[in-house]
Amino acid sequence: MQNEIAWDNELIRRYDLSGPRYTSYPTALQFSEKFGPQDYSREALNSNAAGKPLSLYFHIPFCASLCYYCGCNKIITQDRAKAQAYLNSLQEEIRLQAELLDTDQRTVQQLHWGGGTPTFISPQQMYELMETTGRHFKLLDDDSGDYSIEIDPREADHKTLETLRAIGFNRISLGVQDFNPAVQRAVNRVQSPELTADVLAKVRELGFRSTNIDLIYGLPLQTVDTFAQTLDQVIAMNPDRLSVFNYAHLPERLKSQRLIQEQDLPSPAEKLKILEITIAYLIGAGYVYIGMDHFAKPNDPLAQAQQAGVMHRNFQGYSTHADCDLVAMGVSSISQVGDTYCQNAHKINDYQDAIQGGQLAVTKGLQLGRDDLIRRAVINQLICHFKLDGNAFSAQHGINFADYFARELAQLQQHQRDGLVQIDRNQLQVTPRGRLLIRSICMNFDHYINQDTLRQSYSRII
């Protein structure tokens, strides 16, 4: 049953409303400016008692060109020299964070550079950033950690790839989005399949142990036929994982998307069909449907973690490292340490001013209460594993699951009648029909959901 998906157009149309992606619970909408650097510092110090390993994330926001669809926090510039002042601040933040954490005992099991385009910076700057990280944190030196980086193949020549492997990266994620030339021109990201294949070949030659390719469905000029051709090309490249994201057209919030011609976007029906054939293609090619927008080969650690019931979800998406505190550094990055979330300043000048002033750049965050932690555990279990044992959950969290969530279970009765979830004697099982709509199921356990925030703040589920 792990890889079964049942497609039901009528149910998808009915449940395809706006909703959170649940990379956190509570979501970032609940973060408060009352939570500042002192609050985070206190929690980081307290977290040392638990002795959890660490996951480090670094946000490198620079891009040489603008992809019109992109909603990331980024800085578009051709001037490579602009990155150095930011990297100086990032290295100072590394020092400030390390002062709070027991870095002698807490090893870095996971590390990720995201963006922007991390490969915007030079090989020398990459060496310096990793050297600073290793000086202040306990990096694994036996290649056993999950050390990954997002790569734009247009910004990754062989020297860059050799540098990344030499400084310890062993996983890469390649941005592709779509191989169709017309679609690429419409979103200002022209990238040939040959270039991507060359990067993958070099990555494998260098001994990277895992590859991921990112795709986006719903882009301008996409059709079922053109995206099927992209899928054929990607499957032939044989990545270990695939992420297939839904393009959310929000030009009123994202200036870059105003450069996309709205009349060129596929219709809602065509977009759904693209997703339907994508799932069928990838499952047919042997990939496991992890959830939402992620696929992996059966022997990939992500698929194995899901099978074993130990997969986790955080701000980087699905993860095999549920046991780690996530320490995120760089502009707008979000940490999850202990029972808190916190986010750095969104604007680069505010970020750099705080760090150069000798303090962390935290501008908002949240201290989770007991109810938040219980609901987070429910949502994480459902969104990662599509099932929940209410009896085991009761014992683990010191509650009576049926009583605590009586209202939520009543709300799920319509989902149950529609065949999205089965509830029997405190056992919840998401059906193959419900897997695509898992966000809708999870929303029933969200204490903060209301119709105004749904309409204003979230993309559609599908």
Protein backbone atom coordinates (compact mmCIF):
# COMPACT_ATOMS: atom_id res chain seq x y z
CA MET A 1 0.00 0.00 0.00
CA GLN A 2 3.01 2.30 0.47
CA ASN A 3 3.10 3.34 -3.18
CA GLU A 4 -0.59 3.27 -4.08
CA ILE A 5 -2.25 6.47 -5.31
CA ALA A 6 -5.89 6.60 -6.37
CA TRP A 7 -6.77 9.56 -8.61
CA ASP A 8 -10.30 10.95 -8.22
CA ASN A 9 -10.94 14.14 -10.19
CA GLU A 10 -14.21 14.95 -8.46
CA LEU A 11 -12.73 14.67 -4.97
CA ILE A 12 -9.62 16.62 -5.96
CA ARG A 13 -11.76 19.47 -7.30
CA ARG A 14 -13.81 19.49 -4.09
CA TYR A 15 -10.86 19.40 -1.66
CA ASP A 16 -8.34 21.44 -3.69
CA LEU A 17 -8.58 24.51 -1.46
CA SER A 18 -5.79 26.63 0.02
CA GLY A 19 -3.79 25.22 2.88
CA PRO A 20 -0.38 25.03 4.62
CA ARG A 21 2.44 22.80 3.41
CA TYR A 22 3.28 22.00 7.05
CA THR A 23 7.02 22.34 6.87
CA SER A 24 6.33 23.43 10.44
CA TYR A 25 3.48 23.39 12.89
CA PRO A 26 2.49 25.95 13.93
CA THR A 27 3.24 27.60 10.60
CA ALA A 28 5.33 30.73 10.16
CA LEU A 29 2.15 32.85 10.30
CA GLN A 30 2.18 32.33 14.05
CA PHE A 31 5.72 33.65 14.53
CA SER A 32 5.82 36.76 16.72
CA GLU A 33 8.22 39.70 16.89
CA LYS A 34 7.99 39.36 20.67
CA PHE A 35 10.36 36.40 20.26
CA GLY A 36 13.87 37.81 19.79
CA PRO A 37 17.58 36.94 19.96
CA GLN A 38 17.57 36.55 23.76
CA ASP A 39 14.72 34.05 23.61
CA TYR A 40 16.51 31.99 20.99
CA SER A 41 19.82 32.12 22.86
CA ARG A 42 18.18 30.84 26.03
CA GLU A 43 16.53 27.96 24.18
CA ALA A 44 19.73 27.08 22.30
CA LEU A 45 21.67 26.88 25.56
CA ASN A 46 18.93 24.76 27.15
CA SER A 47 18.90 22.42 24.14
CA ASN A 48 22.41 21.22 24.97
CA ALA A 49 21.05 19.14 27.85
CA ALA A 50 19.22 16.88 25.38
CA GLY A 51 22.43 16.47 23.39
CA LYS A 52 20.71 16.12 20.02
CA PRO A 53 22.90 16.11 16.90
CA LEU A 54 22.70 19.15 14.66
CA SER A 55 21.43 19.95 11.20
CA LEU A 56 22.93 23.13 9.76
CA TYR A 57 21.35 25.18 6.98
CA PHE A 58 23.01 28.11 5.22
CA HIS A 59 21.04 30.48 2.99
CA ILE A 60 23.06 31.97 0.14
CA PRO A 61 20.64 34.35 -1.60
CA PHE A 62 22.53 35.41 -4.73
CA CYS A 63 21.51 34.58 -8.32
CA ALA A 64 23.07 35.77 -11.56
CA SER A 65 19.70 35.87 -13.35
CA LEU A 66 16.01 35.99 -12.43
CA CYS A 67 13.76 32.96 -12.84
CA TYR A 68 10.31 34.49 -13.18
CA TYR A 69 8.48 31.79 -11.19
CA CYS A 70 10.76 31.96 -8.14
CA GLY A 71 9.36 32.88 -4.73
CA CYS A 72 12.64 32.48 -2.78
CA ASN A 73 14.32 35.31 -0.90
CA LYS A 74 17.02 36.21 -3.41
CA ILE A 75 19.30 38.95 -4.70
CA ILE A 76 19.77 39.18 -8.47
CA THR A 77 23.18 40.48 -9.48
CA GLN A 78 25.95 39.85 -11.98
CA ASP A 79 28.48 41.34 -9.55
CA ARG A 80 30.09 38.35 -7.83
CA ALA A 81 32.00 40.65 -5.48
CA LYS A 82 28.78 41.52 -3.68
CA ALA A 83 28.72 38.11 -2.03
CA GLN A 84 31.83 38.66 0.10
CA ALA A 85 30.34 41.09 2.63
CA TYR A 86 27.42 38.74 3.11
CA LEU A 87 29.73 35.74 3.56
CA ASN A 88 31.69 37.70 6.16
CA SER A 89 28.46 38.15 8.12
CA LEU A 90 27.54 34.50 7.65
CA GLN A 91 30.87 33.40 9.07
CA GLU A 92 30.38 35.69 12.05
CA GLU A 93 26.92 34.20 12.61
CA ILE A 94 28.53 30.75 12.61
CA ARG A 95 30.75 31.89 15.47
CA LEU A 96 27.82 33.43 17.40
CA GLN A 97 25.72 30.28 17.04
CA ALA A 98 28.57 27.98 18.02
CA GLU A 99 29.04 29.90 21.28
CA LEU A 100 25.55 28.78 22.33
CA LEU A 101 25.81 25.10 21.41
CA ASP A 102 27.87 22.25 22.78
CA THR A 103 29.75 21.72 19.56
CA ASP A 104 32.21 19.27 21.13
CA GLN A 105 29.44 16.73 21.75
CA ARG A 106 26.78 17.61 19.18
CA THR A 107 27.93 16.41 15.76
CA VAL A 108 26.61 17.86 12.51
CA GLN A 109 24.72 14.94 11.00
CA GLN A 110 23.13 17.04 8.25
CA LEU A 111 24.28 20.16 6.42
CA HIS A 112 22.64 22.00 3.54
CA TRP A 113 23.42 25.08 1.45
CA GLY A 114 20.36 26.57 -0.19
CA GLY A 115 19.46 29.70 -2.02
CA GLY A 116 19.32 31.57 -4.22
CA THR A 117 22.14 29.85 -6.01
CA PRO A 118 24.83 28.58 -3.61
CA THR A 119 27.17 27.93 -6.53
CA PHE A 120 27.10 31.68 -7.25
CA ILE A 121 30.08 32.03 -4.89
CA SER A 122 33.61 31.12 -5.98
CA PRO A 123 35.44 27.88 -5.13
CA GLN A 124 37.71 29.84 -2.79
CA GLN A 125 34.70 31.28 -0.95
CA MET A 126 33.24 27.78 -0.69
CA TYR A 127 36.43 26.50 0.91
CA GLU A 128 36.47 29.40 3.36
CA LEU A 129 32.82 28.97 4.37
CA MET A 130 33.23 25.24 5.00
CA GLU A 131 36.53 25.79 6.82
CA THR A 132 34.85 28.28 9.15
CA THR A 133 31.99 25.86 9.72
CA GLY A 134 34.40 23.05 10.58
CA ARG A 135 36.35 25.27 12.95
CA HIS A 136 33.27 26.08 15.03
CA PHE A 137 31.14 22.94 14.61
CA LYS A 138 31.94 19.23 14.77
CA LEU A 139 31.60 18.11 11.15
CA LEU A 140 31.79 14.44 10.30
CA ASP A 141 35.01 13.63 8.45
CA ASP A 142 34.12 10.10 7.29
CA ASP A 143 31.55 11.06 4.61
CA SER A 144 28.76 9.51 6.68
CA GLY A 145 26.72 12.71 7.12
CA ASP A 146 24.07 14.04 4.77
CA TYR A 147 25.83 17.09 3.37
CA SER A 148 23.86 18.50 0.47
CA ILE A 149 23.71 21.56 -1.77
CA GLU A 150 21.30 23.02 -4.29
CA ILE A 151 22.90 23.43 -7.72
CA ASP A 152 21.98 25.43 -10.77
CA PRO A 153 23.66 23.44 -13.58
CA ARG A 154 24.31 26.71 -15.39
CA GLU A 155 26.47 27.74 -12.42
CA ALA A 156 28.38 24.52 -11.85
CA ASP A 157 31.38 23.75 -14.00
CA HIS A 158 33.59 20.75 -13.30
CA LYS A 159 35.94 22.76 -11.05
CA THR A 160 33.00 23.85 -8.92
CA LEU A 161 31.76 20.27 -8.59
CA GLU A 162 35.25 19.06 -7.68
CA THR A 163 35.44 21.76 -5.01
CA LEU A 164 32.10 20.77 -3.53
CA ARG A 165 33.12 17.12 -3.25
CA ALA A 166 36.51 18.05 -1.79
CA ILE A 167 34.99 20.14 1.01
CA GLY A 168 32.60 17.37 2.05
CA PHE A 169 29.36 17.53 0.09
CA ASN A 170 27.98 14.12 -0.88
CA ARG A 171 24.43 14.95 -2.04
CA ILE A 172 23.25 17.42 -4.66
CA SER A 173 19.91 18.77 -5.80
CA LEU A 174 19.71 20.05 -9.37
CA GLY A 175 17.20 22.69 -10.41
CA VAL A 176 15.65 21.79 -13.77
CA GLN A 177 11.92 22.74 -13.59
CA ASP A 178 11.23 21.84 -17.26
CA PHE A 179 13.31 20.88 -20.30
CA ASN A 180 10.94 22.28 -22.93
CA PRO A 181 12.66 25.25 -24.65
CA ALA A 182 9.47 27.32 -24.96
CA VAL A 183 8.65 26.87 -21.28
CA GLN A 184 12.23 27.72 -20.34
CA ARG A 185 12.12 30.95 -22.34
CA ALA A 186 8.77 31.87 -20.78
CA VAL A 187 10.26 31.67 -17.27
CA ASN A 188 13.74 32.99 -18.19
CA ARG A 189 15.61 29.80 -17.33
CA VAL A 190 17.19 28.29 -20.43
CA GLN A 191 19.06 25.10 -19.59
CA SER A 192 19.68 22.23 -21.97
CA PRO A 193 19.24 18.57 -21.06
CA GLU A 194 22.81 18.00 -22.24
CA LEU A 195 24.14 20.49 -19.66
CA THR A 196 22.19 18.83 -16.87
CA ALA A 197 23.30 15.34 -17.97
CA ASP A 198 26.93 16.51 -18.03
CA VAL A 199 26.67 17.79 -14.45
CA LEU A 200 25.09 14.51 -13.32
CA ALA A 201 27.80 12.47 -15.02
CA LYS A 202 30.53 14.48 -13.31
CA VAL A 203 28.76 14.28 -9.95
CA ARG A 204 28.63 10.48 -10.20
CA GLU A 205 32.24 10.30 -11.31
CA LEU A 206 33.24 12.31 -8.21
CA GLY A 207 31.42 9.90 -5.88
CA PHE A 208 28.45 11.95 -4.72
CA ARG A 209 26.12 9.34 -3.29
CA SER A 210 22.73 10.94 -3.95
CA THR A 211 21.17 13.12 -6.63
CA ASN A 212 17.85 14.96 -6.70
CA ILE A 213 16.16 16.81 -9.56
CA ASP A 214 13.57 19.55 -9.01
CA LEU A 215 10.69 19.99 -11.45
CA ILE A 216 7.71 22.37 -11.43
CA TYR A 217 4.28 21.73 -12.92
CA GLY A 218 1.88 24.51 -13.87
CA LEU A 219 4.44 26.76 -15.62
CA PRO A 220 3.50 28.83 -18.69
CA LEU A 221 3.18 26.95 -22.01
CA GLN A 222 3.35 23.55 -20.30
CA THR A 223 1.08 20.85 -21.68
CA VAL A 224 0.59 17.22 -20.80
CA ASP A 225 2.59 16.19 -23.86
CA THR A 226 5.52 18.57 -23.32
CA PHE A 227 5.85 17.68 -19.64
CA ALA A 228 5.70 13.98 -20.47
CA GLN A 229 8.73 14.56 -22.70
CA THR A 230 10.53 16.27 -19.80
CA LEU A 231 9.69 13.33 -17.54
CA ASP A 232 11.08 10.88 -20.10
CA GLN A 233 14.33 12.85 -20.20
CA VAL A 234 14.57 13.10 -16.42
CA ILE A 235 13.82 9.42 -15.82
CA ALA A 236 16.57 8.55 -18.30
CA MET A 237 18.97 10.58 -16.11
CA ASN A 238 18.11 8.24 -13.22
CA PRO A 239 18.21 10.59 -10.18
CA ASP A 240 17.80 9.03 -6.74
CA ARG A 241 15.07 11.50 -5.79
CA LEU A 242 12.68 13.83 -7.56
CA SER A 243 10.76 16.83 -6.28
CA VAL A 244 7.83 17.96 -8.43
CA PHE A 245 6.49 21.24 -7.09
CA ASN A 246 3.22 22.98 -7.80
CA TYR A 247 3.67 26.42 -9.36
CA ALA A 248 1.56 28.89 -7.37
CA HIS A 249 0.92 32.01 -9.47
CA LEU A 250 0.84 34.90 -6.97
CA PRO A 251 1.82 38.03 -8.94
CA GLU A 252 0.17 40.27 -6.38
CA ARG A 253 2.77 39.09 -3.84
CA LEU A 254 5.77 38.21 -6.03
CA LYS A 255 6.95 40.88 -8.45
CA SER A 256 8.94 38.50 -10.62
CA GLN A 257 5.79 36.53 -11.46
CA ARG A 258 4.29 39.61 -13.09
CA LEU A 259 6.69 38.90 -15.97
CA ILE A 260 4.79 35.68 -16.68
CA GLN A 261 1.93 36.01 -19.16
CA GLU A 262 -1.13 34.75 -17.31
CA GLN A 263 -2.81 33.62 -20.52
CA ASP A 264 0.12 31.23 -21.08
CA LEU A 265 -0.54 29.27 -17.88
CA PRO A 266 -2.13 25.84 -18.30
CA SER A 267 -5.78 25.63 -17.34
CA PRO A 268 -6.63 24.09 -13.94
CA ALA A 269 -7.79 20.92 -15.72
CA GLU A 270 -4.57 20.69 -17.78
CA LYS A 271 -2.47 21.32 -14.69
CA LEU A 272 -4.19 18.50 -12.82
CA LYS A 273 -3.67 16.20 -15.76
CA ILE A 274 0.04 17.07 -15.77
CA LEU A 275 0.26 16.06 -12.12
CA GLU A 276 -1.70 12.88 -12.76
CA ILE A 277 0.60 11.70 -15.54
CA THR A 278 3.67 12.75 -13.52
CA ILE A 279 2.69 10.48 -10.64
CA ALA A 280 1.88 7.63 -13.01
CA TYR A 281 5.17 8.05 -14.93
CA LEU A 282 7.35 8.14 -11.82
CA ILE A 283 5.67 5.26 -10.02
CA GLY A 284 5.83 3.31 -13.28
CA ALA A 285 9.56 4.06 -13.43
CA GLY A 286 10.04 2.51 -9.98
CA TYR A 287 9.97 5.56 -7.72
CA VAL A 288 8.17 5.57 -4.37
CA TYR A 289 5.65 8.34 -3.79
CA ILE A 290 6.96 9.81 -0.51
CA GLY A 291 4.24 12.42 -0.17
CA MET A 292 3.02 15.71 -1.60
CA ASP A 293 5.74 16.53 -4.13
CA HIS A 294 8.54 14.06 -3.33
CA PHE A 295 9.57 10.78 -4.95
CA ALA A 296 12.51 8.49 -4.22
CA LYS A 297 13.90 5.15 -5.29
CA PRO A 298 12.92 2.28 -2.96
CA ASN A 299 16.49 1.86 -1.69
CA ASP A 300 16.92 5.59 -1.00
CA PRO A 301 17.28 6.48 2.72
CA LEU A 302 14.18 8.70 2.48
CA ALA A 303 11.99 5.85 1.26
CA GLN A 304 13.54 3.52 3.83
CA ALA A 305 12.93 6.03 6.64
CA GLN A 306 9.30 6.30 5.63
CA GLN A 307 8.97 2.51 5.52
CA ALA A 308 10.52 2.31 9.01
CA GLY A 309 8.22 5.04 10.36
CA VAL A 310 11.04 7.47 11.25
CA MET A 311 10.77 10.10 8.52
CA HIS A 312 10.37 13.73 9.53
CA ARG A 313 9.28 16.99 7.93
CA ASN A 314 10.84 20.41 8.50
CA PHE A 315 11.59 23.65 6.67
CA GLN A 316 13.72 21.77 4.14
CA GLY A 317 10.89 19.35 3.34
CA TYR A 318 10.96 15.62 4.09
CA SER A 319 14.00 14.52 6.08
CA THR A 320 15.59 11.41 7.56
CA HIS A 321 16.91 13.40 10.54
CA ALA A 322 14.06 13.68 13.02
CA ASP A 323 16.56 13.58 15.89
CA CYS A 324 18.37 16.81 14.95
CA ASP A 325 18.00 20.40 16.06
CA LEU A 326 17.96 22.56 12.93
CA VAL A 327 20.23 25.62 13.18
CA ALA A 328 19.65 27.85 10.16
CA MET A 329 21.95 30.72 9.27
CA GLY A 330 21.77 33.51 6.75
CA VAL A 331 19.14 36.02 5.74
CA SER A 332 15.49 34.95 6.35
CA SER A 333 16.52 31.42 7.40
CA ILE A 334 14.35 29.55 9.94
CA SER A 335 15.69 27.45 12.82
CA GLN A 336 13.96 24.76 14.85
CA VAL A 337 15.82 24.30 18.12
CA GLY A 338 14.27 22.63 21.15
CA ASP A 339 10.63 23.65 21.34
CA THR A 340 11.06 26.88 19.39
CA TYR A 341 11.11 28.24 15.88
CA CYS A 342 12.86 31.46 14.95
CA GLN A 343 13.53 33.40 11.76
CA ASN A 344 16.34 35.76 10.81
CA ALA A 345 15.79 39.20 9.31
CA HIS A 346 14.30 39.08 5.80
CA LYS A 347 16.29 42.02 4.38
CA ILE A 348 19.99 41.57 3.84
CA ASN A 349 20.96 44.96 5.29
CA ASP A 350 19.04 44.27 8.50
CA TYR A 351 20.64 40.85 8.73
CA GLN A 352 24.17 42.15 8.22
CA ASP A 353 23.69 45.10 10.60
CA ALA A 354 22.59 42.78 13.41
CA ILE A 355 25.41 40.29 12.92
CA GLN A 356 28.10 42.93 12.55
CA GLY A 357 26.72 44.53 15.70
CA GLY A 358 27.59 41.34 17.55
CA GLN A 359 24.13 39.85 17.97
CA LEU A 360 22.02 37.23 16.25
CA ALA A 361 19.68 38.45 13.52
CA VAL A 362 16.53 36.79 14.91
CA THR A 363 13.51 39.04 14.31
CA LYS A 364 10.61 36.72 15.17
CA GLY A 365 9.82 33.26 16.40
CA LEU A 366 7.62 31.09 18.55
CA GLN A 367 7.85 29.12 21.78
CA LEU A 368 5.67 26.03 21.35
CA GLY A 369 3.23 25.09 24.09
CA ARG A 370 2.17 21.57 25.02
CA ASP A 371 -0.85 21.63 22.69
CA ASP A 372 1.37 22.83 19.82
CA LEU A 373 3.77 19.94 20.39
CA ILE A 374 0.98 17.37 20.50
CA ARG A 375 -0.64 18.68 17.31
CA ARG A 376 2.74 18.94 15.59
CA ALA A 377 3.35 15.28 16.35
CA VAL A 378 -0.02 14.30 14.86
CA ILE A 379 0.50 16.32 11.70
CA ASN A 380 4.06 15.09 11.24
CA GLN A 381 2.95 11.47 11.61
CA LEU A 382 0.14 11.83 9.09
CA ILE A 383 1.99 13.88 6.50
CA CYS A 384 5.04 11.60 6.64
CA HIS A 385 3.51 8.15 7.13
CA PHE A 386 -0.19 8.41 6.20
CA LYS A 387 -1.27 6.61 9.36
CA LEU A 388 -1.52 7.10 13.10
CA ASP A 389 -2.01 4.68 15.99
CA GLY A 390 -4.06 6.67 18.49
CA ASN A 391 -3.41 4.19 21.31
CA ALA A 392 0.36 4.40 20.95
CA PHE A 393 0.10 8.17 20.57
CA SER A 394 -1.93 8.40 23.80
CA ALA A 395 0.72 6.49 25.72
CA GLN A 396 3.54 8.55 24.23
CA HIS A 397 2.00 11.95 24.96
CA GLY A 398 0.04 11.27 28.13
CA ILE A 399 -3.40 11.99 26.66
CA ASN A 400 -6.52 10.14 25.64
CA PHE A 401 -6.33 10.56 21.88
CA ALA A 402 -10.05 10.04 21.21
CA ASP A 403 -11.06 12.57 23.89
CA TYR A 404 -8.35 15.13 23.14
CA PHE A 405 -9.20 15.18 19.44
CA ALA A 406 -12.93 14.49 19.62
CA ARG A 407 -13.78 17.63 17.64
CA GLU A 408 -11.13 16.93 15.01
CA LEU A 409 -12.22 13.32 14.57
CA ALA A 410 -15.80 14.51 14.10
CA GLN A 411 -14.61 16.96 11.43
CA LEU A 412 -12.92 14.09 9.60
CA GLN A 413 -16.20 12.24 9.16
CA GLN A 414 -16.73 13.83 5.74
CA HIS A 415 -13.21 12.80 4.71
CA GLN A 416 -14.08 9.32 5.93
CA ARG A 417 -17.34 9.22 3.95
CA ASP A 418 -15.41 10.33 0.86
CA GLY A 419 -12.92 7.51 1.30
CA LEU A 420 -9.89 9.69 2.07
CA VAL A 421 -9.23 8.28 5.52
CA GLN A 422 -10.30 5.23 7.51
CA ILE A 423 -10.84 5.58 11.25
CA ASP A 424 -11.38 2.43 13.26
CA ARG A 425 -10.91 2.08 17.02
CA ASN A 426 -8.34 4.86 17.36
CA GLN A 427 -6.48 3.83 14.19
CA LEU A 428 -6.22 6.41 11.40
CA GLN A 429 -5.19 5.23 7.94
CA VAL A 430 -4.97 7.59 4.96
CA THR A 431 -6.21 5.74 1.89
CA PRO A 432 -4.59 5.78 -1.56
CA ARG A 433 -7.36 8.22 -2.53
CA GLY A 434 -6.47 10.51 0.38
CA ARG A 435 -2.69 10.67 -0.08
CA LEU A 436 -2.79 13.49 -2.60
CA LEU A 437 -5.05 15.43 -0.23
CA ILE A 438 -3.04 14.83 2.93
CA ARG A 439 -2.77 18.57 3.60
CA SER A 440 -6.56 18.77 3.83
CA ILE A 441 -6.59 15.92 6.35
CA CYS A 442 -3.85 17.54 8.45
CA MET A 443 -5.66 20.87 8.47
CA ASN A 444 -8.31 19.35 10.72
CA PHE A 445 -5.73 19.13 13.51
CA ASP A 446 -4.49 22.72 13.01
CA HIS A 447 -5.63 24.89 15.93
CA TYR A 448 -4.81 28.13 14.09
CA ILE A 449 -6.63 27.56 10.79
CA ASN A 450 -9.31 30.05 9.78
CA GLN A 451 -10.82 31.00 6.43
CA ASP A 452 -9.16 34.42 6.23
CA THR A 453 -5.63 33.04 6.62
CA LEU A 454 -6.40 30.22 4.18
CA ARG A 455 -7.44 32.60 1.43
CA GLN A 456 -4.72 35.19 2.00
CA SER A 457 -1.66 33.19 2.91
CA TYR A 458 -1.53 29.73 1.36
CA SER A 459 -1.34 28.12 -2.04
CA ARG A 460 -3.84 25.50 -3.20
CA ILE A 461 -3.30 21.97 -1.96
CA ILE A 462 -2.95 20.54 -5.47
